[in-house]
Every structure is written in structure tokens, then in C-alpha cells.
PDB file of N, CA and C in Angstrom:
ATOM      1  N   MET A   1       5.446 -18.549 -32.258  1.00  0.00           N
ATOM      2  CA  MET A   1       6.817 -18.379 -31.923  1.00  0.00           C
ATOM      3  C   MET A   1       6.958 -18.391 -30.402  1.00  0.00           C
ATOM      4  N   ALA A   2       7.693 -19.343 -29.868  1.00  0.00           N
ATOM      5  CA  ALA A   2       7.882 -19.483 -28.432  1.00  0.00           C
ATOM      6  C   ALA A   2       9.083 -18.671 -27.981  1.00  0.00           C
ATOM      7  N   ARG A   3       8.952 -18.051 -26.840  1.00  0.00           N
ATOM      8  CA  ARG A   3      10.043 -17.267 -26.266  1.00  0.00           C
ATOM      9  C   ARG A   3      10.409 -17.847 -24.917  1.00  0.00           C
ATOM     10  N   ALA A   4      11.677 -17.878 -24.619  1.00  0.00           N
ATOM     11  CA  ALA A   4      12.131 -18.314 -23.305  1.00  0.00           C
ATOM     12  C   ALA A   4      11.992 -17.152 -22.328  1.00  0.00           C
ATOM     13  N   VAL A   5      11.525 -17.435 -21.141  1.00  0.00           N
ATOM     14  CA  VAL A   5      11.325 -16.416 -20.133  1.00  0.00           C
ATOM     15  C   VAL A   5      12.334 -16.633 -19.018  1.00  0.00           C
ATOM     16  N   ASP A   6      13.124 -15.614 -18.737  1.00  0.00           N
ATOM     17  CA  ASP A   6      14.090 -15.668 -17.651  1.00  0.00           C
ATOM     18  C   ASP A   6      13.405 -15.157 -16.396  1.00  0.00           C
ATOM     19  N   LEU A   7      13.111 -16.069 -15.450  1.00  0.00           N
ATOM     20  CA  LEU A   7      12.377 -15.690 -14.249  1.00  0.00           C
ATOM     21  C   LEU A   7      13.226 -14.873 -13.284  1.00  0.00           C
ATOM     22  N   ASP A   8      14.540 -14.909 -13.424  1.00  0.00           N
ATOM     23  CA  ASP A   8      15.411 -14.149 -12.540  1.00  0.00           C
ATOM     24  C   ASP A   8      15.742 -12.776 -13.088  1.00  0.00           C
ATOM     25  N   PHE A   9      15.232 -12.430 -14.253  1.00  0.00           N
ATOM     26  CA  PHE A   9      15.521 -11.141 -14.868  1.00  0.00           C
ATOM     27  C   PHE A   9      14.817 -10.025 -14.119  1.00  0.00           C
ATOM     28  N   GLU A  10      15.558  -9.020 -13.720  1.00  0.00           N
ATOM     29  CA  GLU A  10      14.987  -7.840 -13.089  1.00  0.00           C
ATOM     30  C   GLU A  10      15.474  -6.617 -13.850  1.00  0.00           C
ATOM     31  N   PRO A  11      14.596  -5.945 -14.576  1.00  0.00           N
ATOM     32  CA  PRO A  11      15.040  -4.783 -15.340  1.00  0.00           C
ATOM     33  C   PRO A  11      15.483  -3.647 -14.427  1.00  0.00           C
ATOM     34  N   VAL A  12      16.512  -2.973 -14.830  1.00  0.00           N
ATOM     35  CA  VAL A  12      17.002  -1.819 -14.086  1.00  0.00           C
ATOM     36  C   VAL A  12      16.566  -0.579 -14.842  1.00  0.00           C
ATOM     37  N   SER A  13      15.721   0.210 -14.207  1.00  0.00           N
ATOM     38  CA  SER A  13      15.263   1.431 -14.850  1.00  0.00           C
ATOM     39  C   SER A  13      16.038   2.605 -14.273  1.00  0.00           C
ATOM     40  N   LYS A  14      16.243   3.600 -15.083  1.00  0.00           N
ATOM     41  CA  LYS A  14      16.997   4.780 -14.663  1.00  0.00           C
ATOM     42  C   LYS A  14      16.078   5.992 -14.714  1.00  0.00           C
ATOM     43  N   ASP A  15      16.302   6.907 -13.772  1.00  0.00           N
ATOM     44  CA  ASP A  15      15.509   8.135 -13.774  1.00  0.00           C
ATOM     45  C   ASP A  15      16.145   9.163 -14.707  1.00  0.00           C
ATOM     46  N   ALA A  16      15.639  10.383 -14.681  1.00  0.00           N
ATOM     47  CA  ALA A  16      16.113  11.430 -15.597  1.00  0.00           C
ATOM     48  C   ALA A  16      17.572  11.807 -15.348  1.00  0.00           C
ATOM     49  N   PHE A  17      18.076  11.541 -14.143  1.00  0.00           N
ATOM     50  CA  PHE A  17      19.447  11.905 -13.804  1.00  0.00           C
ATOM     51  C   PHE A  17      20.423  10.738 -13.955  1.00  0.00           C
ATOM     52  N   GLY A  18      19.961   9.605 -14.447  1.00  0.00           N
ATOM     53  CA  GLY A  18      20.827   8.460 -14.680  1.00  0.00           C
ATOM     54  C   GLY A  18      21.020   7.562 -13.474  1.00  0.00           C
ATOM     55  N   LYS A  19      20.330   7.849 -12.360  1.00  0.00           N
ATOM     56  CA  LYS A  19      20.435   6.995 -11.183  1.00  0.00           C
ATOM     57  C   LYS A  19      19.447   5.842 -11.313  1.00  0.00           C
ATOM     58  N   SER A  20      19.864   4.660 -10.879  1.00  0.00           N
ATOM     59  CA  SER A  20      18.951   3.522 -10.956  1.00  0.00           C
ATOM     60  C   SER A  20      17.902   3.652  -9.858  1.00  0.00           C
ATOM     61  N   GLN A  21      16.688   3.306 -10.208  1.00  0.00           N
ATOM     62  CA  GLN A  21      15.587   3.408  -9.268  1.00  0.00           C
ATOM     63  C   GLN A  21      15.537   2.134  -8.430  1.00  0.00           C
ATOM     64  N   GLY A  22      15.337   2.299  -7.130  1.00  0.00           N
ATOM     65  CA  GLY A  22      15.305   1.162  -6.227  1.00  0.00           C
ATOM     66  C   GLY A  22      13.920   0.551  -6.132  1.00  0.00           C
ATOM     67  N   ARG A  23      13.848  -0.421  -5.280  1.00  0.00           N
ATOM     68  CA  ARG A  23      12.575  -1.089  -5.030  1.00  0.00           C
ATOM     69  C   ARG A  23      11.730  -0.266  -4.064  1.00  0.00           C
ATOM     70  N   ILE A  24      10.543  -0.733  -3.826  1.00  0.00           N
ATOM     71  CA  ILE A  24       9.653  -0.091  -2.870  1.00  0.00           C
ATOM     72  C   ILE A  24      10.233  -0.310  -1.474  1.00  0.00           C
ATOM     73  N   THR A  25      10.319   0.753  -0.705  1.00  0.00           N
ATOM     74  CA  THR A  25      10.926   0.675   0.614  1.00  0.00           C
ATOM     75  C   THR A  25       9.887   0.897   1.704  1.00  0.00           C
ATOM     76  N   ALA A  26      10.304   0.684   2.929  1.00  0.00           N
ATOM     77  CA  ALA A  26       9.426   0.927   4.067  1.00  0.00           C
ATOM     78  C   ALA A  26       9.112   2.416   4.192  1.00  0.00           C
ATOM     79  N   ARG A  27      10.062   3.280   3.842  1.00  0.00           N
ATOM     80  CA  ARG A  27       9.803   4.732   3.872  1.00  0.00           C
ATOM     81  C   ARG A  27       8.659   5.112   2.952  1.00  0.00           C
ATOM     82  N   PHE A  28       8.630   4.507   1.765  1.00  0.00           N
ATOM     83  CA  PHE A  28       7.532   4.770   0.827  1.00  0.00           C
ATOM     84  C   PHE A  28       6.206   4.325   1.426  1.00  0.00           C
ATOM     85  N   ASN A  29       6.186   3.163   2.047  1.00  0.00           N
ATOM     86  CA  ASN A  29       4.951   2.652   2.629  1.00  0.00           C
ATOM     87  C   ASN A  29       4.475   3.517   3.791  1.00  0.00           C
ATOM     88  N   VAL A  30       5.400   4.000   4.606  1.00  0.00           N
ATOM     89  CA  VAL A  30       5.025   4.876   5.726  1.00  0.00           C
ATOM     90  C   VAL A  30       4.466   6.192   5.191  1.00  0.00           C
ATOM     91  N   ALA A  31       5.107   6.744   4.174  1.00  0.00           N
ATOM     92  CA  ALA A  31       4.620   7.993   3.587  1.00  0.00           C
ATOM     93  C   ALA A  31       3.243   7.805   2.958  1.00  0.00           C
ATOM     94  N   LEU A  32       3.040   6.695   2.284  1.00  0.00           N
ATOM     95  CA  LEU A  32       1.744   6.425   1.668  1.00  0.00           C
ATOM     96  C   LEU A  32       0.669   6.215   2.723  1.00  0.00           C
ATOM     97  N   PHE A  33       1.011   5.517   3.812  1.00  0.00           N
ATOM     98  CA  PHE A  33       0.060   5.314   4.903  1.00  0.00           C
ATOM     99  C   PHE A  33      -0.302   6.646   5.549  1.00  0.00           C
ATOM    100  N   ALA A  34       0.700   7.509   5.761  1.00  0.00           N
ATOM    101  CA  ALA A  34       0.436   8.830   6.346  1.00  0.00           C
ATOM    102  C   ALA A  34      -0.458   9.660   5.432  1.00  0.00           C
ATOM    103  N   PHE A  35      -0.206   9.591   4.142  1.00  0.00           N
ATOM    104  CA  PHE A  35      -1.048  10.325   3.191  1.00  0.00           C
ATOM    105  C   PHE A  35      -2.488   9.828   3.241  1.00  0.00           C
ATOM    106  N   LEU A  36      -2.663   8.508   3.260  1.00  0.00           N
ATOM    107  CA  LEU A  36      -4.018   7.957   3.324  1.00  0.00           C
ATOM    108  C   LEU A  36      -4.710   8.348   4.625  1.00  0.00           C
ATOM    109  N   GLY A  37      -3.954   8.343   5.720  1.00  0.00           N
ATOM    110  CA  GLY A  37      -4.542   8.731   7.000  1.00  0.00           C
ATOM    111  C   GLY A  37      -4.970  10.182   7.011  1.00  0.00           C
ATOM    112  N   LEU A  38      -4.126  11.061   6.515  1.00  0.00           N
ATOM    113  CA  LEU A  38      -4.484  12.484   6.460  1.00  0.00           C
ATOM    114  C   LEU A  38      -5.645  12.732   5.512  1.00  0.00           C
ATOM    115  N   MET A  39      -5.666  12.012   4.408  1.00  0.00           N
ATOM    116  CA  MET A  39      -6.763  12.171   3.459  1.00  0.00           C
ATOM    117  C   MET A  39      -8.088  11.702   4.072  1.00  0.00           C
ATOM    118  N   GLY A  40      -8.060  10.584   4.777  1.00  0.00           N
ATOM    119  CA  GLY A  40      -9.268  10.090   5.436  1.00  0.00           C
ATOM    120  C   GLY A  40      -9.735  11.011   6.539  1.00  0.00           C
ATOM    121  N   PHE A  41      -8.786  11.571   7.312  1.00  0.00           N
ATOM    122  CA  PHE A  41      -9.139  12.489   8.384  1.00  0.00           C
ATOM    123  C   PHE A  41      -9.746  13.774   7.821  1.00  0.00           C
ATOM    124  N   ALA A  42      -9.159  14.278   6.739  1.00  0.00           N
ATOM    125  CA  ALA A  42      -9.695  15.487   6.107  1.00  0.00           C
ATOM    126  C   ALA A  42     -11.085  15.228   5.532  1.00  0.00           C
ATOM    127  N   ARG A  43     -11.269  14.067   4.923  1.00  0.00           N
ATOM    128  CA  ARG A  43     -12.590  13.721   4.381  1.00  0.00           C
ATOM    129  C   ARG A  43     -13.623  13.626   5.493  1.00  0.00           C
ATOM    130  N   PHE A  44     -13.219  13.048   6.626  1.00  0.00           N
ATOM    131  CA  PHE A  44     -14.123  12.946   7.767  1.00  0.00           C
ATOM    132  C   PHE A  44     -14.507  14.333   8.285  1.00  0.00           C
ATOM    133  N   LEU A  45     -13.523  15.233   8.392  1.00  0.00           N
ATOM    134  CA  LEU A  45     -13.813  16.576   8.881  1.00  0.00           C
ATOM    135  C   LEU A  45     -14.715  17.354   7.933  1.00  0.00           C
ATOM    136  N   LEU A  46     -14.546  17.146   6.639  1.00  0.00           N
ATOM    137  CA  LEU A  46     -15.320  17.907   5.663  1.00  0.00           C
ATOM    138  C   LEU A  46     -16.706  17.340   5.416  1.00  0.00           C
ATOM    139  N   VAL A  47     -16.866  16.037   5.513  1.00  0.00           N
ATOM    140  CA  VAL A  47     -18.120  15.413   5.106  1.00  0.00           C
ATOM    141  C   VAL A  47     -19.012  15.032   6.278  1.00  0.00           C
ATOM    142  N   ALA A  48     -18.426  14.491   7.341  1.00  0.00           N
ATOM    143  CA  ALA A  48     -19.250  13.932   8.421  1.00  0.00           C
ATOM    144  C   ALA A  48     -19.879  15.021   9.275  1.00  0.00           C
ATOM    145  N   SER A  49     -21.141  14.849   9.568  1.00  0.00           N
ATOM    146  CA  SER A  49     -21.825  15.799  10.434  1.00  0.00           C
ATOM    147  C   SER A  49     -21.428  15.593  11.894  1.00  0.00           C
ATOM    148  N   VAL A  50     -20.948  14.407  12.232  1.00  0.00           N
ATOM    149  CA  VAL A  50     -20.496  14.122  13.591  1.00  0.00           C
ATOM    150  C   VAL A  50     -19.283  14.976  13.930  1.00  0.00           C
ATOM    151  N   ALA A  51     -18.459  15.275  12.947  1.00  0.00           N
ATOM    152  CA  ALA A  51     -17.245  16.048  13.181  1.00  0.00           C
ATOM    153  C   ALA A  51     -17.558  17.467  13.643  1.00  0.00           C
ATOM    154  N   ARG A  52     -18.667  17.996  13.218  1.00  0.00           N
ATOM    155  CA  ARG A  52     -19.021  19.367  13.602  1.00  0.00           C
ATOM    156  C   ARG A  52     -19.470  19.446  15.063  1.00  0.00           C
ATOM    157  N   GLU A  53     -19.977  18.326  15.585  1.00  0.00           N
ATOM    158  CA  GLU A  53     -20.530  18.322  16.935  1.00  0.00           C
ATOM    159  C   GLU A  53     -19.584  17.742  17.976  1.00  0.00           C
ATOM    160  N   SER A  54     -18.470  17.182  17.574  1.00  0.00           N
ATOM    161  CA  SER A  54     -17.564  16.516  18.496  1.00  0.00           C
ATOM    162  C   SER A  54     -16.406  17.419  18.876  1.00  0.00           C
ATOM    163  N   ALA A  55     -15.820  17.113  20.017  1.00  0.00           N
ATOM    164  CA  ALA A  55     -14.625  17.832  20.454  1.00  0.00           C
ATOM    165  C   ALA A  55     -13.426  17.359  19.641  1.00  0.00           C
ATOM    166  N   PHE A  56     -12.433  18.222  19.503  1.00  0.00           N
ATOM    167  CA  PHE A  56     -11.266  17.903  18.690  1.00  0.00           C
ATOM    168  C   PHE A  56     -10.489  16.716  19.256  1.00  0.00           C
ATOM    169  N   GLY A  57     -10.404  16.606  20.586  1.00  0.00           N
ATOM    170  CA  GLY A  57      -9.700  15.485  21.212  1.00  0.00           C
ATOM    171  C   GLY A  57     -10.338  14.151  20.864  1.00  0.00           C
ATOM    172  N   GLY A  58     -11.662  14.121  20.828  1.00  0.00           N
ATOM    173  CA  GLY A  58     -12.365  12.895  20.443  1.00  0.00           C
ATOM    174  C   GLY A  58     -12.109  12.531  19.003  1.00  0.00           C
ATOM    175  N   LEU A  59     -12.021  13.538  18.134  1.00  0.00           N
ATOM    176  CA  LEU A  59     -11.735  13.280  16.727  1.00  0.00           C
ATOM    177  C   LEU A  59     -10.335  12.711  16.545  1.00  0.00           C
ATOM    178  N   VAL A  60      -9.366  13.260  17.274  1.00  0.00           N
ATOM    179  CA  VAL A  60      -7.997  12.771  17.171  1.00  0.00           C
ATOM    180  C   VAL A  60      -7.913  11.343  17.686  1.00  0.00           C
ATOM    181  N   LEU A  61      -8.565  11.050  18.804  1.00  0.00           N
ATOM    182  CA  LEU A  61      -8.543   9.699  19.357  1.00  0.00           C
ATOM    183  C   LEU A  61      -9.204   8.702  18.419  1.00  0.00           C
ATOM    184  N   SER A  62     -10.366   9.056  17.872  1.00  0.00           N
ATOM    185  CA  SER A  62     -11.041   8.133  16.959  1.00  0.00           C
ATOM    186  C   SER A  62     -10.237   7.978  15.667  1.00  0.00           C
ATOM    187  N   GLY A  63      -9.594   9.041  15.205  1.00  0.00           N
ATOM    188  CA  GLY A  63      -8.735   8.925  14.022  1.00  0.00           C
ATOM    189  C   GLY A  63      -7.534   8.038  14.280  1.00  0.00           C
ATOM    190  N   PHE A  64      -6.952   8.160  15.485  1.00  0.00           N
ATOM    191  CA  PHE A  64      -5.813   7.311  15.857  1.00  0.00           C
ATOM    192  C   PHE A  64      -6.230   5.847  15.925  1.00  0.00           C
ATOM    193  N   LEU A  65      -7.387   5.569  16.518  1.00  0.00           N
ATOM    194  CA  LEU A  65      -7.859   4.186  16.597  1.00  0.00           C
ATOM    195  C   LEU A  65      -8.188   3.626  15.214  1.00  0.00           C
ATOM    196  N   ASP A  66      -8.749   4.456  14.346  1.00  0.00           N
ATOM    197  CA  ASP A  66      -9.008   4.018  12.979  1.00  0.00           C
ATOM    198  C   ASP A  66      -7.710   3.723  12.235  1.00  0.00           C
ATOM    199  N   ALA A  67      -6.677   4.524  12.475  1.00  0.00           N
ATOM    200  CA  ALA A  67      -5.381   4.288  11.833  1.00  0.00           C
ATOM    201  C   ALA A  67      -4.773   2.972  12.312  1.00  0.00           C
ATOM    202  N   ILE A  68      -4.882   2.681  13.607  1.00  0.00           N
ATOM    203  CA  ILE A  68      -4.378   1.416  14.151  1.00  0.00           C
ATOM    204  C   ILE A  68      -5.138   0.239  13.526  1.00  0.00           C
ATOM    205  N   ARG A  69      -6.444   0.358  13.440  1.00  0.00           N
ATOM    206  CA  ARG A  69      -7.262  -0.705  12.840  1.00  0.00           C
ATOM    207  C   ARG A  69      -6.900  -0.901  11.377  1.00  0.00           C
ATOM    208  N   PHE A  70      -6.758   0.187  10.637  1.00  0.00           N
ATOM    209  CA  PHE A  70      -6.418   0.106   9.217  1.00  0.00           C
ATOM    210  C   PHE A  70      -5.033  -0.510   9.032  1.00  0.00           C
ATOM    211  N   LEU A  71      -4.074  -0.121   9.880  1.00  0.00           N
ATOM    212  CA  LEU A  71      -2.724  -0.657   9.793  1.00  0.00           C
ATOM    213  C   LEU A  71      -2.714  -2.155  10.070  1.00  0.00           C
ATOM    214  N   ALA A  72      -3.472  -2.602  11.060  1.00  0.00           N
ATOM    215  CA  ALA A  72      -3.536  -4.031  11.367  1.00  0.00           C
ATOM    216  C   ALA A  72      -4.118  -4.815  10.195  1.00  0.00           C
ATOM    217  N   VAL A  73      -5.167  -4.298   9.594  1.00  0.00           N
ATOM    218  CA  VAL A  73      -5.775  -4.973   8.437  1.00  0.00           C
ATOM    219  C   VAL A  73      -4.807  -5.018   7.262  1.00  0.00           C
ATOM    220  N   VAL A  74      -4.091  -3.925   7.010  1.00  0.00           N
ATOM    221  CA  VAL A  74      -3.143  -3.886   5.894  1.00  0.00           C
ATOM    222  C   VAL A  74      -2.001  -4.862   6.121  1.00  0.00           C
ATOM    223  N   LEU A  75      -1.472  -4.922   7.339  1.00  0.00           N
ATOM    224  CA  LEU A  75      -0.347  -5.818   7.609  1.00  0.00           C
ATOM    225  C   LEU A  75      -0.739  -7.284   7.482  1.00  0.00           C
ATOM    226  N   ILE A  76      -1.904  -7.647   7.986  1.00  0.00           N
ATOM    227  CA  ILE A  76      -2.365  -9.033   7.871  1.00  0.00           C
ATOM    228  C   ILE A  76      -2.704  -9.359   6.416  1.00  0.00           C
ATOM    229  N   SER A  77      -3.366  -8.447   5.723  1.00  0.00           N
ATOM    230  CA  SER A  77      -3.725  -8.682   4.318  1.00  0.00           C
ATOM    231  C   SER A  77      -2.488  -8.732   3.430  1.00  0.00           C
ATOM    232  N   SER A  78      -1.454  -7.996   3.777  1.00  0.00           N
ATOM    233  CA  SER A  78      -0.218  -8.005   2.990  1.00  0.00           C
ATOM    234  C   SER A  78       0.464  -9.357   3.062  1.00  0.00           C
ATOM    235  N   ALA A  79       0.457  -9.967   4.240  1.00  0.00           N
ATOM    236  CA  ALA A  79       1.037 -11.314   4.368  1.00  0.00           C
ATOM    237  C   ALA A  79       0.257 -12.299   3.498  1.00  0.00           C
ATOM    238  N   PHE A  80      -1.060 -12.183   3.514  1.00  0.00           N
ATOM    239  CA  PHE A  80      -1.884 -13.053   2.668  1.00  0.00           C
ATOM    240  C   PHE A  80      -1.606 -12.798   1.188  1.00  0.00           C
ATOM    241  N   LEU A  81      -1.540 -11.521   0.784  1.00  0.00           N
ATOM    242  CA  LEU A  81      -1.294 -11.184  -0.617  1.00  0.00           C
ATOM    243  C   LEU A  81       0.068 -11.684  -1.079  1.00  0.00           C
ATOM    244  N   LYS A  82       1.086 -11.561  -0.241  1.00  0.00           N
ATOM    245  CA  LYS A  82       2.431 -12.029  -0.587  1.00  0.00           C
ATOM    246  C   LYS A  82       2.429 -13.540  -0.837  1.00  0.00           C
ATOM    247  N   GLU A  83       1.778 -14.283   0.045  1.00  0.00           N
ATOM    248  CA  GLU A  83       1.716 -15.735  -0.130  1.00  0.00           C
ATOM    249  C   GLU A  83       0.868 -16.111  -1.340  1.00  0.00           C
ATOM    250  N   PHE A  84      -0.261 -15.448  -1.508  1.00  0.00           N
ATOM    251  CA  PHE A  84      -1.121 -15.707  -2.664  1.00  0.00           C
ATOM    252  C   PHE A  84      -0.371 -15.452  -3.961  1.00  0.00           C
ATOM    253  N   TRP A  85       0.314 -14.323  -4.025  1.00  0.00           N
ATOM    254  CA  TRP A  85       1.068 -13.953  -5.216  1.00  0.00           C
ATOM    255  C   TRP A  85       2.179 -14.960  -5.481  1.00  0.00           C
ATOM    256  N   GLY A  86       2.905 -15.314  -4.430  1.00  0.00           N
ATOM    257  CA  GLY A  86       4.032 -16.223  -4.588  1.00  0.00           C
ATOM    258  C   GLY A  86       3.625 -17.636  -4.977  1.00  0.00           C
ATOM    259  N   ARG A  87       2.492 -18.091  -4.499  1.00  0.00           N
ATOM    260  CA  ARG A  87       2.088 -19.471  -4.774  1.00  0.00           C
ATOM    261  C   ARG A  87       1.222 -19.624  -6.019  1.00  0.00           C
ATOM    262  N   LEU A  88       0.318 -18.693  -6.261  1.00  0.00           N
ATOM    263  CA  LEU A  88      -0.609 -18.868  -7.375  1.00  0.00           C
ATOM    264  C   LEU A  88      -0.239 -18.045  -8.598  1.00  0.00           C
ATOM    265  N   VAL A  89      -0.057 -16.765  -8.416  1.00  0.00           N
ATOM    266  CA  VAL A  89       0.146 -15.887  -9.565  1.00  0.00           C
ATOM    267  C   VAL A  89       1.446 -16.215 -10.292  1.00  0.00           C
ATOM    268  N   THR A  90       2.518 -16.496  -9.543  1.00  0.00           N
ATOM    269  CA  THR A  90       3.787 -16.812 -10.203  1.00  0.00           C
ATOM    270  C   THR A  90       3.760 -18.162 -10.898  1.00  0.00           C
ATOM    271  N   SER A  91       2.876 -19.054 -10.464  1.00  0.00           N
ATOM    272  CA  SER A  91       2.772 -20.334 -11.172  1.00  0.00           C
ATOM    273  C   SER A  91       1.910 -20.220 -12.427  1.00  0.00           C
ATOM    274  N   LEU A  92       1.032 -19.214 -12.485  1.00  0.00           N
ATOM    275  CA  LEU A  92       0.185 -19.040 -13.665  1.00  0.00           C
ATOM    276  C   LEU A  92       0.819 -18.139 -14.719  1.00  0.00           C
ATOM    277  N   PHE A  93       1.582 -17.154 -14.279  1.00  0.00           N
ATOM    278  CA  PHE A  93       2.158 -16.181 -15.200  1.00  0.00           C
ATOM    279  C   PHE A  93       3.664 -16.104 -14.988  1.00  0.00           C
ATOM    280  N   PRO A  94       4.410 -15.798 -16.032  1.00  0.00           N
ATOM    281  CA  PRO A  94       5.877 -15.721 -15.906  1.00  0.00           C
ATOM    282  C   PRO A  94       6.332 -14.385 -15.312  1.00  0.00           C
ATOM    283  N   ILE A  95       5.987 -14.156 -14.050  1.00  0.00           N
ATOM    284  CA  ILE A  95       6.398 -12.944 -13.354  1.00  0.00           C
ATOM    285  C   ILE A  95       7.032 -13.336 -12.028  1.00  0.00           C
ATOM    286  N   ARG A  96       7.782 -12.418 -11.455  1.00  0.00           N
ATOM    287  CA  ARG A  96       8.494 -12.719 -10.218  1.00  0.00           C
ATOM    288  C   ARG A  96       7.576 -12.600  -9.017  1.00  0.00           C
ATOM    289  N   ALA A  97       7.995 -13.195  -7.922  1.00  0.00           N
ATOM    290  CA  ALA A  97       7.262 -13.086  -6.666  1.00  0.00           C
ATOM    291  C   ALA A  97       7.524 -11.698  -6.067  1.00  0.00           C
ATOM    292  N   ILE A  98       6.601 -11.242  -5.250  1.00  0.00           N
ATOM    293  CA  ILE A  98       6.767  -9.948  -4.601  1.00  0.00           C
ATOM    294  C   ILE A  98       7.171 -10.166  -3.151  1.00  0.00           C
ATOM    295  N   ASN A  99       7.869  -9.177  -2.593  1.00  0.00           N
ATOM    296  CA  ASN A  99       8.222  -9.281  -1.180  1.00  0.00           C
ATOM    297  C   ASN A  99       7.149  -8.588  -0.333  1.00  0.00           C
ATOM    298  N   TYR A 100       7.363  -8.600   0.997  1.00  0.00           N
ATOM    299  CA  TYR A 100       6.339  -8.084   1.908  1.00  0.00           C
ATOM    300  C   TYR A 100       6.113  -6.579   1.730  1.00  0.00           C
ATOM    301  N   GLU A 101       7.183  -5.823   1.536  1.00  0.00           N
ATOM    302  CA  GLU A 101       7.032  -4.373   1.368  1.00  0.00           C
ATOM    303  C   GLU A 101       6.265  -4.043   0.098  1.00  0.00           C
ATOM    304  N   GLU A 102       6.480  -4.811  -0.952  1.00  0.00           N
ATOM    305  CA  GLU A 102       5.734  -4.582  -2.195  1.00  0.00           C
ATOM    306  C   GLU A 102       4.267  -4.959  -2.016  1.00  0.00           C
ATOM    307  N   ALA A 103       3.988  -5.987  -1.224  1.00  0.00           N
ATOM    308  CA  ALA A 103       2.599  -6.361  -0.962  1.00  0.00           C
ATOM    309  C   ALA A 103       1.882  -5.262  -0.175  1.00  0.00           C
ATOM    310  N   VAL A 104       2.574  -4.662   0.796  1.00  0.00           N
ATOM    311  CA  VAL A 104       1.995  -3.546   1.546  1.00  0.00           C
ATOM    312  C   VAL A 104       1.697  -2.388   0.601  1.00  0.00           C
ATOM    313  N   ALA A 105       2.638  -2.082  -0.284  1.00  0.00           N
ATOM    314  CA  ALA A 105       2.446  -0.981  -1.231  1.00  0.00           C
ATOM    315  C   ALA A 105       1.282  -1.257  -2.178  1.00  0.00           C
ATOM    316  N   VAL A 106       1.135  -2.485  -2.627  1.00  0.00           N
ATOM    317  CA  VAL A 106       0.019  -2.833  -3.512  1.00  0.00           C
ATOM    318  C   VAL A 106      -1.307  -2.600  -2.800  1.00  0.00           C
ATOM    319  N   LEU A 107      -1.408  -3.031  -1.547  1.00  0.00           N
ATOM    320  CA  LEU A 107      -2.663  -2.840  -0.813  1.00  0.00           C
ATOM    321  C   LEU A 107      -2.941  -1.371  -0.510  1.00  0.00           C
ATOM    322  N   LEU A 108      -1.910  -0.615  -0.164  1.00  0.00           N
ATOM    323  CA  LEU A 108      -2.120   0.812   0.094  1.00  0.00           C
ATOM    324  C   LEU A 108      -2.528   1.550  -1.176  1.00  0.00           C
ATOM    325  N   MET A 109      -1.915   1.201  -2.292  1.00  0.00           N
ATOM    326  CA  MET A 109      -2.299   1.836  -3.555  1.00  0.00           C
ATOM    327  C   MET A 109      -3.721   1.433  -3.950  1.00  0.00           C
ATOM    328  N   ALA A 110      -4.088   0.181  -3.694  1.00  0.00           N
ATOM    329  CA  ALA A 110      -5.450  -0.262  -3.998  1.00  0.00           C
ATOM    330  C   ALA A 110      -6.464   0.505  -3.135  1.00  0.00           C
ATOM    331  N   SER A 111      -6.124   0.732  -1.868  1.00  0.00           N
ATOM    332  CA  SER A 111      -7.060   1.482  -1.019  1.00  0.00           C
ATOM    333  C   SER A 111      -7.129   2.948  -1.447  1.00  0.00           C
ATOM    334  N   LEU A 112      -6.041   3.472  -1.980  1.00  0.00           N
ATOM    335  CA  LEU A 112      -6.056   4.841  -2.498  1.00  0.00           C
ATOM    336  C   LEU A 112      -6.937   4.934  -3.743  1.00  0.00           C
ATOM    337  N   ILE A 113      -6.854   3.951  -4.606  1.00  0.00           N
ATOM    338  CA  ILE A 113      -7.658   3.951  -5.842  1.00  0.00           C
ATOM    339  C   ILE A 113      -9.131   3.725  -5.539  1.00  0.00           C
ATOM    340  N   VAL A 114      -9.420   2.775  -4.650  1.00  0.00           N
ATOM    341  CA  VAL A 114     -10.810   2.446  -4.328  1.00  0.00           C
ATOM    342  C   VAL A 114     -11.436   3.548  -3.483  1.00  0.00           C
ATOM    343  N   GLY A 115     -10.636   4.194  -2.646  1.00  0.00           N
ATOM    344  CA  GLY A 115     -11.144   5.303  -1.863  1.00  0.00           C
ATOM    345  C   GLY A 115     -11.611   4.946  -0.473  1.00  0.00           C
ATOM    346  N   THR A 116     -11.048   3.893   0.102  1.00  0.00           N
ATOM    347  CA  THR A 116     -11.440   3.533   1.478  1.00  0.00           C
ATOM    348  C   THR A 116     -10.428   4.035   2.454  1.00  0.00           C
TER     349      THR A 116
END
């Protein structure tokens, strides 16, 4: 039995209060990035032996530089993921293309799951 697929269909989901839920926003991505940064910094403080011997200013500076590096990798990888998804995945499967903010969220969630 063949079914027609409407590629422009976007389901509207409602929360418990009857409000429609929006798309992934930049605020969500910033909050997720901040959470990942704090989680990585806490893991570094708890696990690394270097953290016990270093000054706090050095830890903050190295954490800031790591956050800049991670952000640059996520932003560049998100552009690649958006194009990959739009060109290959949507041609293979009947799903919609994702925008840049959704690509950032996918990569941040993947890094949260993988643990990097």
C-alpha cells in the first residue's frame, strides 16, 4: 500500500498548557552550550590531576580557550551537517531539511550523549 508523503507538512505539537511548541532557538543552543561547558569544566576539576596543581586563573583561561575551540568546531560542523542533511538525507528519506540552529542543536546533543 503506497502512501503519499507531504514534504511541506510540519506537525504542530502542544504542551500540557495547550501552547504550541516552537522550533529550536538560539537561546536553547546557548543554554546547551553553557551546560556542556560547565559540565566539562566540572569534570576537569574533579578528574584531572593537573587541576589540583594549577592556579585558578590558569584553569579559567584554559577553559575559556577550550570553549572557543569547541564553539568554532561546532559552528563549522553545523554548516557541514546542514548541507549534508539538506542534500543527501532529504533525497533518501521523506523528511524535511533542517536549518542552521537545528544543526547546531543536533551536534550539541550528540556531544552531550557521546560525552566529549
